Amino acid sequence: MPKHLNDPNIQHALQSTFTHILFTSRQAVLAWKQISPLPWAAQSLAIGPSTALLLNAPLTAPYATQEG
């Protein structure tokens, strides 16, 4: 079950200093942009070209696969 954004643990995590953030989908990027201030100090990493395009991520996995 997802936790609410006001949960103290979530707030603590959002206020932490990140060095890198790995995004695995376009939806993850859109959700993160809603809860986190821009611009980010952390380096953004993308899995897949469409996620990289939305992020303008300089570091992108060379290919994307999906399991399941």
C-alpha atoms as a PDB file:
ATOM      1  CA  MET A   1       0.000   0.000   0.000  1.00  0.00           C
ATOM      2  CA  PRO A   2       1.477   3.393  -0.968  1.00  0.00           C
ATOM      3  CA  LYS A   3       2.250   5.805   1.813  1.00  0.00           C
ATOM      4  CA  HIS A   4       0.872   9.343   1.896  1.00  0.00           C
ATOM      5  CA  LEU A   5       3.241  12.169   0.996  1.00  0.00           C
ATOM      6  CA  ASN A   6       2.782  13.630   4.485  1.00  0.00           C
ATOM      7  CA  ASP A   7       4.191  10.478   6.091  1.00  0.00           C
ATOM      8  CA  PRO A   8       7.289  11.497   8.122  1.00  0.00           C
ATOM      9  CA  ASN A   9       9.431   8.801   6.467  1.00  0.00           C
ATOM     10  CA  ILE A  10       8.465  10.001   2.989  1.00  0.00           C
ATOM     11  CA  GLN A  11       9.137  13.625   3.903  1.00  0.00           C
ATOM     12  CA  HIS A  12      12.533  12.694   5.310  1.00  0.00           C
ATOM     13  CA  ALA A  13      13.425  10.816   2.109  1.00  0.00           C
ATOM     14  CA  LEU A  14      12.338  13.717  -0.095  1.00  0.00           C
ATOM     15  CA  GLN A  15      14.483  16.140   1.906  1.00  0.00           C
ATOM     16  CA  SER A  16      17.554  13.902   1.722  1.00  0.00           C
ATOM     17  CA  THR A  17      20.444  14.648  -0.572  1.00  0.00           C
ATOM     18  CA  PHE A  18      20.473  12.361  -3.582  1.00  0.00           C
ATOM     19  CA  THR A  19      23.467  11.941  -5.866  1.00  0.00           C
ATOM     20  CA  HIS A  20      21.577  10.024  -8.580  1.00  0.00           C
ATOM     21  CA  ILE A  21      17.939   9.289  -9.356  1.00  0.00           C
ATOM     22  CA  LEU A  22      17.104   6.348 -11.634  1.00  0.00           C
ATOM     23  CA  PHE A  23      13.840   6.667 -13.532  1.00  0.00           C
ATOM     24  CA  THR A  24      12.392   3.520 -15.045  1.00  0.00           C
ATOM     25  CA  SER A  25       9.326   5.003 -16.740  1.00  0.00           C
ATOM     26  CA  ARG A  26       7.762   8.195 -18.018  1.00  0.00           C
ATOM     27  CA  GLN A  27       5.115   7.918 -15.281  1.00  0.00           C
ATOM     28  CA  ALA A  28       7.836   7.875 -12.623  1.00  0.00           C
ATOM     29  CA  VAL A  29       9.271  11.114 -14.052  1.00  0.00           C
ATOM     30  CA  LEU A  30       5.848  12.789 -14.081  1.00  0.00           C
ATOM     31  CA  ALA A  31       5.115  11.679 -10.515  1.00  0.00           C
ATOM     32  CA  TRP A  32       8.522  12.856  -9.268  1.00  0.00           C
ATOM     33  CA  LYS A  33       8.091  16.272 -10.885  1.00  0.00           C
ATOM     34  CA  GLN A  34       4.849  16.722  -8.921  1.00  0.00           C
ATOM     35  CA  ILE A  35       6.449  16.103  -5.527  1.00  0.00           C
ATOM     36  CA  SER A  36      10.001  17.355  -5.899  1.00  0.00           C
ATOM     37  CA  PRO A  37      11.280  20.866  -6.551  1.00  0.00           C
ATOM     38  CA  LEU A  38      13.064  21.584  -9.795  1.00  0.00           C
ATOM     39  CA  PRO A  39      15.841  21.729 -10.777  1.00  0.00           C
ATOM     40  CA  TRP A  40      17.334  18.696  -9.115  1.00  0.00           C
ATOM     41  CA  ALA A  41      20.867  18.686  -7.830  1.00  0.00           C
ATOM     42  CA  ALA A  42      21.020  14.937  -8.437  1.00  0.00           C
ATOM     43  CA  GLN A  43      22.111  13.338 -11.694  1.00  0.00           C
ATOM     44  CA  SER A  44      19.116  11.848 -13.535  1.00  0.00           C
ATOM     45  CA  LEU A  45      19.456   8.419 -15.102  1.00  0.00           C
ATOM     46  CA  ALA A  46      16.900   6.997 -17.518  1.00  0.00           C
ATOM     47  CA  ILE A  47      15.957   3.481 -18.583  1.00  0.00           C
ATOM     48  CA  GLY A  48      14.704   3.710 -22.141  1.00  0.00           C
ATOM     49  CA  PRO A  49      14.609   6.432 -24.766  1.00  0.00           C
ATOM     50  CA  SER A  50      11.127   7.816 -24.031  1.00  0.00           C
ATOM     51  CA  THR A  51      11.969   8.290 -20.357  1.00  0.00           C
ATOM     52  CA  ALA A  52      15.253   9.952 -21.305  1.00  0.00           C
ATOM     53  CA  LEU A  53      13.458  12.299 -23.683  1.00  0.00           C
ATOM     54  CA  LEU A  54      11.065  13.454 -20.962  1.00  0.00           C
ATOM     55  CA  LEU A  55      13.949  13.913 -18.528  1.00  0.00           C
ATOM     56  CA  ASN A  56      16.532  15.330 -20.906  1.00  0.00           C
ATOM     57  CA  ALA A  57      18.766  12.790 -19.177  1.00  0.00           C
ATOM     58  CA  PRO A  58      22.345  12.675 -20.376  1.00  0.00           C
ATOM     59  CA  LEU A  59      22.780   9.123 -19.016  1.00  0.00           C
ATOM     60  CA  THR A  60      20.508   6.551 -20.619  1.00  0.00           C
ATOM     61  CA  ALA A  61      20.598   2.772 -20.768  1.00  0.00           C
ATOM     62  CA  PRO A  62      21.635   1.655 -24.272  1.00  0.00           C
ATOM     63  CA  TYR A  63      18.556  -0.562 -24.549  1.00  0.00           C
ATOM     64  CA  ALA A  64      15.392  -1.187 -22.562  1.00  0.00           C
ATOM     65  CA  THR A  65      13.744  -4.516 -21.873  1.00  0.00           C
ATOM     66  CA  GLN A  66      10.591  -5.368 -20.034  1.00  0.00           C
ATOM     67  CA  GLU A  67       9.927  -8.511 -18.079  1.00  0.00           C
ATOM     68  CA  GLY A  68       6.576  -9.726 -16.951  1.00  0.00           C
END
